[in-house]
Amino acid sequence: MAGNGNGSGTGNGKADGAARKPITVLIVDDERTFGEALEVALDREKDLRVIHVATDGLDAVASATEYQPDVVLMDVSMPGMNGLEATRRIKQCDPHAAVVILSGHDDEYMLARAVQAGAVGLLRKTQAVGDVASTVRRAHRGEGHAAWRCVHHNPNFPATSPNPPWAPLRRPWRGFLCSLASKGSMR
């Protein structure tokens, strides 16, 4: 099932008199029912078009290479190649791909691991469909939430290290260090 998105999401499908190209989305989830339900929900958005639903990491990498989606919604936990490894491989082939990790787990280190893999966002599977659609739009525009920007974009915050020095810290200390890093106070 592919979407028929045709617009800017304003309801009229036009922006400044011209139709906008829809944001193309690749969904990757080993739970086919979840992936297809997400596809149906996102296809209702006028500015989004699901181009494929993959069910494993290998299919994700092949599909991303073939379809070159604007945004990839990637399940993190899959048998075989997990979502983080698939994200790494997709980013190697297409550095501009916007991958958003989907997780059903409340793992406090998932954000750092997703950043290390090259993802631009992290979304819990329990989020409302409207939140998923707005996250896809933000990922396409290159935006992220404040904590994500702090970890991902600050050169003074060593998130890309295989064993970041802040990883064993408890959440309040990580937040404190993140706020220092965002102000350029960490050297």
C-alpha atoms as a PDB file:
ATOM      1  CA  MET A   1       0.000   0.000   0.000  1.00  0.00           C
ATOM      2  CA  ALA A   2       1.603   3.228  -1.051  1.00  0.00           C
ATOM      3  CA  GLY A   3       0.315   6.612  -0.027  1.00  0.00           C
ATOM      4  CA  ASN A   4      -1.009   9.287  -2.296  1.00  0.00           C
ATOM      5  CA  GLY A   5       0.344  12.309  -0.440  1.00  0.00           C
ATOM      6  CA  ASN A   6       0.304  15.386  -2.593  1.00  0.00           C
ATOM      7  CA  GLY A   7       0.798  18.476  -0.584  1.00  0.00           C
ATOM      8  CA  SER A   8       2.137  20.546   2.190  1.00  0.00           C
ATOM      9  CA  GLY A   9      -0.219  19.296   4.866  1.00  0.00           C
ATOM     10  CA  THR A  10      -2.234  22.525   4.769  1.00  0.00           C
ATOM     11  CA  GLY A  11      -5.267  20.775   3.385  1.00  0.00           C
ATOM     12  CA  ASN A  12      -5.097  22.247  -0.097  1.00  0.00           C
ATOM     13  CA  GLY A  13      -1.976  20.448  -1.326  1.00  0.00           C
ATOM     14  CA  LYS A  14      -0.483  23.744  -2.473  1.00  0.00           C
ATOM     15  CA  ALA A  15       2.227  26.050  -1.250  1.00  0.00           C
ATOM     16  CA  ASP A  16       2.653  29.372  -3.003  1.00  0.00           C
ATOM     17  CA  GLY A  17       0.501  28.135  -5.879  1.00  0.00           C
ATOM     18  CA  ALA A  18       2.495  24.976  -6.610  1.00  0.00           C
ATOM     19  CA  ALA A  19       2.058  21.416  -5.392  1.00  0.00           C
ATOM     20  CA  ARG A  20       4.805  20.226  -3.043  1.00  0.00           C
ATOM     21  CA  LYS A  21       6.447  16.865  -3.336  1.00  0.00           C
ATOM     22  CA  PRO A  22       5.338  14.618  -0.455  1.00  0.00           C
ATOM     23  CA  ILE A  23       7.856  13.456   2.132  1.00  0.00           C
ATOM     24  CA  THR A  24       8.644   9.841   1.301  1.00  0.00           C
ATOM     25  CA  VAL A  25       8.839   7.395   4.195  1.00  0.00           C
ATOM     26  CA  LEU A  26      10.294   3.900   4.539  1.00  0.00           C
ATOM     27  CA  ILE A  27       8.906   1.970   7.517  1.00  0.00           C
ATOM     28  CA  VAL A  28      11.001  -0.861   8.970  1.00  0.00           C
ATOM     29  CA  ASP A  29       9.527  -3.151  11.622  1.00  0.00           C
ATOM     30  CA  ASP A  30       9.715  -6.919  12.042  1.00  0.00           C
ATOM     31  CA  GLU A  31       6.101  -6.829  13.294  1.00  0.00           C
ATOM     32  CA  ARG A  32       4.437  -6.572   9.874  1.00  0.00           C
ATOM     33  CA  THR A  33       1.067  -5.693  11.423  1.00  0.00           C
ATOM     34  CA  PHE A  34       2.587  -2.721  13.281  1.00  0.00           C
ATOM     35  CA  GLY A  35       4.392  -1.529  10.146  1.00  0.00           C
ATOM     36  CA  GLU A  36       1.266  -1.760   8.022  1.00  0.00           C
ATOM     37  CA  ALA A  37      -0.870  -0.025  10.665  1.00  0.00           C
ATOM     38  CA  LEU A  38       1.675   2.791  10.773  1.00  0.00           C
ATOM     39  CA  GLU A  39       1.581   2.930   6.960  1.00  0.00           C
ATOM     40  CA  VAL A  40      -2.215   3.296   6.930  1.00  0.00           C
ATOM     41  CA  ALA A  41      -2.059   6.043   9.550  1.00  0.00           C
ATOM     42  CA  LEU A  42       0.722   8.009   7.821  1.00  0.00           C
ATOM     43  CA  ASP A  43      -0.918   7.679   4.399  1.00  0.00           C
ATOM     44  CA  ARG A  44      -3.800   9.774   5.747  1.00  0.00           C
ATOM     45  CA  GLU A  45      -1.397  12.706   5.978  1.00  0.00           C
ATOM     46  CA  LYS A  46      -1.482  14.707   2.734  1.00  0.00           C
ATOM     47  CA  ASP A  47       2.217  15.579   2.841  1.00  0.00           C
ATOM     48  CA  LEU A  48       3.541  12.077   3.646  1.00  0.00           C
ATOM     49  CA  ARG A  49       3.823   9.049   1.368  1.00  0.00           C
ATOM     50  CA  VAL A  50       4.914   5.613   2.580  1.00  0.00           C
ATOM     51  CA  ILE A  51       6.921   4.013  -0.218  1.00  0.00           C
ATOM     52  CA  HIS A  52       7.661   0.619   1.364  1.00  0.00           C
ATOM     53  CA  VAL A  53       7.302  -1.417   4.555  1.00  0.00           C
ATOM     54  CA  ALA A  54      10.361  -3.583   5.256  1.00  0.00           C
ATOM     55  CA  THR A  55      10.412  -6.319   7.888  1.00  0.00           C
ATOM     56  CA  ASP A  56      14.123  -6.725   8.634  1.00  0.00           C
ATOM     57  CA  GLY A  57      17.429  -4.877   8.592  1.00  0.00           C
ATOM     58  CA  LEU A  58      18.685  -6.340   5.312  1.00  0.00           C
ATOM     59  CA  ASP A  59      15.458  -5.400   3.532  1.00  0.00           C
ATOM     60  CA  ALA A  60      15.724  -1.929   5.125  1.00  0.00           C
ATOM     61  CA  VAL A  61      19.202  -1.317   3.686  1.00  0.00           C
ATOM     62  CA  ALA A  62      18.225  -2.648   0.239  1.00  0.00           C
ATOM     63  CA  SER A  63      14.968  -0.652   0.218  1.00  0.00           C
ATOM     64  CA  ALA A  64      16.666   2.558   1.348  1.00  0.00           C
ATOM     65  CA  THR A  65      19.190   2.144  -1.459  1.00  0.00           C
ATOM     66  CA  GLU A  66      16.491   1.429  -4.050  1.00  0.00           C
ATOM     67  CA  TYR A  67      13.805   3.949  -3.035  1.00  0.00           C
ATOM     68  CA  GLN A  68      15.977   6.676  -1.432  1.00  0.00           C
ATOM     69  CA  PRO A  69      13.289   7.769   1.053  1.00  0.00           C
ATOM     70  CA  ASP A  70      13.375  11.167   2.737  1.00  0.00           C
ATOM     71  CA  VAL A  71      12.785   9.590   6.167  1.00  0.00           C
ATOM     72  CA  VAL A  72      13.219   6.056   7.513  1.00  0.00           C
ATOM     73  CA  LEU A  73      11.234   4.929  10.570  1.00  0.00           C
ATOM     74  CA  MET A  74      13.445   2.125  11.909  1.00  0.00           C
ATOM     75  CA  ASP A  75      12.516  -0.413  14.577  1.00  0.00           C
ATOM     76  CA  VAL A  76      15.503  -0.917  16.855  1.00  0.00           C
ATOM     77  CA  SER A  77      14.844  -4.536  17.879  1.00  0.00           C
ATOM     78  CA  MET A  78      14.759  -6.957  14.978  1.00  0.00           C
ATOM     79  CA  PRO A  79      16.188 -10.439  14.507  1.00  0.00           C
ATOM     80  CA  GLY A  80      19.321 -10.701  12.391  1.00  0.00           C
ATOM     81  CA  MET A  81      20.491  -7.173  11.641  1.00  0.00           C
ATOM     82  CA  ASN A  82      19.074  -4.834  14.288  1.00  0.00           C
ATOM     83  CA  GLY A  83      17.869  -1.303  13.561  1.00  0.00           C
ATOM     84  CA  LEU A  84      21.047   0.386  14.780  1.00  0.00           C
ATOM     85  CA  GLU A  85      23.266  -1.623  12.416  1.00  0.00           C
ATOM     86  CA  ALA A  86      20.810  -1.080   9.550  1.00  0.00           C
ATOM     87  CA  THR A  87      20.918   2.655  10.326  1.00  0.00           C
ATOM     88  CA  ARG A  88      24.733   2.653  10.191  1.00  0.00           C
ATOM     89  CA  ARG A  89      24.675   0.944   6.796  1.00  0.00           C
ATOM     90  CA  ILE A  90      21.992   3.241   5.395  1.00  0.00           C
ATOM     91  CA  LYS A  91      23.952   6.302   6.552  1.00  0.00           C
ATOM     92  CA  GLN A  92      27.110   4.925   4.876  1.00  0.00           C
ATOM     93  CA  CYS A  93      25.239   4.676   1.556  1.00  0.00           C
ATOM     94  CA  ASP A  94      23.243   7.903   1.980  1.00  0.00           C
ATOM     95  CA  PRO A  95      24.608  10.363   4.563  1.00  0.00           C
ATOM     96  CA  HIS A  96      21.566  12.615   4.024  1.00  0.00           C
ATOM     97  CA  ALA A  97      19.015   9.948   4.976  1.00  0.00           C
ATOM     98  CA  ALA A  98      16.971  10.973   8.015  1.00  0.00           C
ATOM     99  CA  VAL A  99      16.533   7.864  10.172  1.00  0.00           C
ATOM    100  CA  VAL A 100      14.227   7.946  13.197  1.00  0.00           C
ATOM    101  CA  ILE A 101      14.639   5.004  15.564  1.00  0.00           C
ATOM    102  CA  LEU A 102      11.421   3.413  16.859  1.00  0.00           C
ATOM    103  CA  SER A 103      11.709   1.710  20.215  1.00  0.00           C
ATOM    104  CA  GLY A 104       9.243  -0.109  22.402  1.00  0.00           C
ATOM    105  CA  HIS A 105      11.764  -0.124  25.245  1.00  0.00           C
ATOM    106  CA  ASP A 106      12.429   2.533  27.840  1.00  0.00           C
ATOM    107  CA  ASP A 107      16.217   2.203  27.627  1.00  0.00           C
ATOM    108  CA  GLU A 108      17.955   5.327  28.914  1.00  0.00           C
ATOM    109  CA  TYR A 109      21.030   4.716  26.744  1.00  0.00           C
ATOM    110  CA  MET A 110      19.103   4.240  23.501  1.00  0.00           C
ATOM    111  CA  LEU A 111      19.437   7.918  22.567  1.00  0.00           C
ATOM    112  CA  ALA A 112      23.240   7.778  22.665  1.00  0.00           C
ATOM    113  CA  ARG A 113      23.313   4.515  20.727  1.00  0.00           C
ATOM    114  CA  ALA A 114      20.952   5.934  18.112  1.00  0.00           C
ATOM    115  CA  VAL A 115      23.148   9.033  17.731  1.00  0.00           C
ATOM    116  CA  GLN A 116      26.213   6.845  17.343  1.00  0.00           C
ATOM    117  CA  ALA A 117      24.453   4.917  14.569  1.00  0.00           C
ATOM    118  CA  GLY A 118      23.591   8.148  12.731  1.00  0.00           C
ATOM    119  CA  ALA A 119      19.881   8.491  13.525  1.00  0.00           C
ATOM    120  CA  VAL A 120      18.305  11.941  13.701  1.00  0.00           C
ATOM    121  CA  GLY A 121      15.581  11.046  16.181  1.00  0.00           C
ATOM    122  CA  LEU A 122      14.178   8.530  18.605  1.00  0.00           C
ATOM    123  CA  LEU A 123      10.486   7.829  19.006  1.00  0.00           C
ATOM    124  CA  ARG A 124       8.748   5.457  21.376  1.00  0.00           C
ATOM    125  CA  LYS A 125       6.324   3.085  19.710  1.00  0.00           C
ATOM    126  CA  THR A 126       3.668   4.124  22.207  1.00  0.00           C
ATOM    127  CA  GLN A 127       3.516   7.679  20.788  1.00  0.00           C
ATOM    128  CA  ALA A 128       0.290   8.853  19.156  1.00  0.00           C
ATOM    129  CA  VAL A 129       0.169   8.642  15.363  1.00  0.00           C
ATOM    130  CA  GLY A 130       0.035  12.455  15.163  1.00  0.00           C
ATOM    131  CA  ASP A 131       3.336  12.562  17.045  1.00  0.00           C
ATOM    132  CA  VAL A 132       4.855  10.125  14.544  1.00  0.00           C
ATOM    133  CA  ALA A 133       3.731  12.297  11.607  1.00  0.00           C
ATOM    134  CA  SER A 134       5.115  15.474  13.186  1.00  0.00           C
ATOM    135  CA  THR A 135       8.376  13.670  14.021  1.00  0.00           C
ATOM    136  CA  VAL A 136       8.705  12.609  10.364  1.00  0.00           C
ATOM    137  CA  ARG A 137       8.224  16.237   9.306  1.00  0.00           C
ATOM    138  CA  ARG A 138      10.790  17.504  11.841  1.00  0.00           C
ATOM    139  CA  ALA A 139      13.301  14.840  10.787  1.00  0.00           C
ATOM    140  CA  HIS A 140      12.810  15.827   7.152  1.00  0.00           C
ATOM    141  CA  ARG A 141      13.495  19.478   8.059  1.00  0.00           C
ATOM    142  CA  GLY A 142      16.580  18.450  10.048  1.00  0.00           C
ATOM    143  CA  GLU A 143      15.067  19.386  13.412  1.00  0.00           C
ATOM    144  CA  GLY A 144      15.148  17.442  16.647  1.00  0.00           C
ATOM    145  CA  HIS A 145      14.130  17.881  20.269  1.00  0.00           C
ATOM    146  CA  ALA A 146      16.392  19.782  22.675  1.00  0.00           C
ATOM    147  CA  ALA A 147      18.106  16.773  24.266  1.00  0.00           C
ATOM    148  CA  TRP A 148      18.786  15.302  20.848  1.00  0.00           C
ATOM    149  CA  ARG A 149      20.357  18.521  19.556  1.00  0.00           C
ATOM    150  CA  CYS A 150      22.491  18.771  22.684  1.00  0.00           C
ATOM    151  CA  VAL A 151      23.952  15.312  22.318  1.00  0.00           C
ATOM    152  CA  HIS A 152      24.088  15.153  18.538  1.00  0.00           C
ATOM    153  CA  HIS A 153      25.159  18.623  17.421  1.00  0.00           C
ATOM    154  CA  ASN A 154      27.478  19.868  20.133  1.00  0.00           C
ATOM    155  CA  PRO A 155      31.117  19.217  19.211  1.00  0.00           C
ATOM    156  CA  ASN A 156      32.104  19.430  22.887  1.00  0.00           C
ATOM    157  CA  PHE A 157      29.785  16.568  23.847  1.00  0.00           C
ATOM    158  CA  PRO A 158      31.456  13.244  22.991  1.00  0.00           C
ATOM    159  CA  ALA A 159      28.373  11.299  21.887  1.00  0.00           C
ATOM    160  CA  THR A 160      30.085   9.591  18.986  1.00  0.00           C
ATOM    161  CA  SER A 161      32.651   7.812  21.126  1.00  0.00           C
ATOM    162  CA  PRO A 162      32.097   4.023  21.373  1.00  0.00           C
ATOM    163  CA  ASN A 163      32.176   4.374  25.171  1.00  0.00           C
ATOM    164  CA  PRO A 164      31.194   7.960  25.930  1.00  0.00           C
ATOM    165  CA  PRO A 165      32.554   9.068  29.305  1.00  0.00           C
ATOM    166  CA  TRP A 166      29.120  10.215  30.433  1.00  0.00           C
ATOM    167  CA  ALA A 167      27.412   6.836  29.772  1.00  0.00           C
ATOM    168  CA  PRO A 168      27.700   5.473  33.334  1.00  0.00           C
ATOM    169  CA  LEU A 169      26.366   8.685  34.900  1.00  0.00           C
ATOM    170  CA  ARG A 170      22.914   8.811  36.342  1.00  0.00           C
ATOM    171  CA  ARG A 171      20.291  10.753  34.384  1.00  0.00           C
ATOM    172  CA  PRO A 172      20.455  14.039  36.433  1.00  0.00           C
ATOM    173  CA  TRP A 173      24.223  14.301  35.931  1.00  0.00           C
ATOM    174  CA  ARG A 174      23.961  13.586  32.217  1.00  0.00           C
ATOM    175  CA  GLY A 175      21.384  16.357  31.943  1.00  0.00           C
ATOM    176  CA  PHE A 176      23.657  18.732  33.817  1.00  0.00           C
ATOM    177  CA  LEU A 177      26.618  17.898  31.563  1.00  0.00           C
ATOM    178  CA  CYS A 178      24.386  18.244  28.527  1.00  0.00           C
ATOM    179  CA  SER A 179      23.337  21.726  29.595  1.00  0.00           C
ATOM    180  CA  LEU A 180      26.980  22.689  30.123  1.00  0.00           C
ATOM    181  CA  ALA A 181      27.898  21.305  26.715  1.00  0.00           C
ATOM    182  CA  SER A 182      25.080  23.197  25.020  1.00  0.00           C
ATOM    183  CA  LYS A 183      26.449  26.436  26.517  1.00  0.00           C
ATOM    184  CA  GLY A 184      29.953  25.627  25.269  1.00  0.00           C
ATOM    185  CA  SER A 185      31.299  25.233  28.805  1.00  0.00           C
ATOM    186  CA  MET A 186      32.766  21.747  28.342  1.00  0.00           C
ATOM    187  CA  ARG A 187      36.307  21.449  27.028  1.00  0.00           C
END
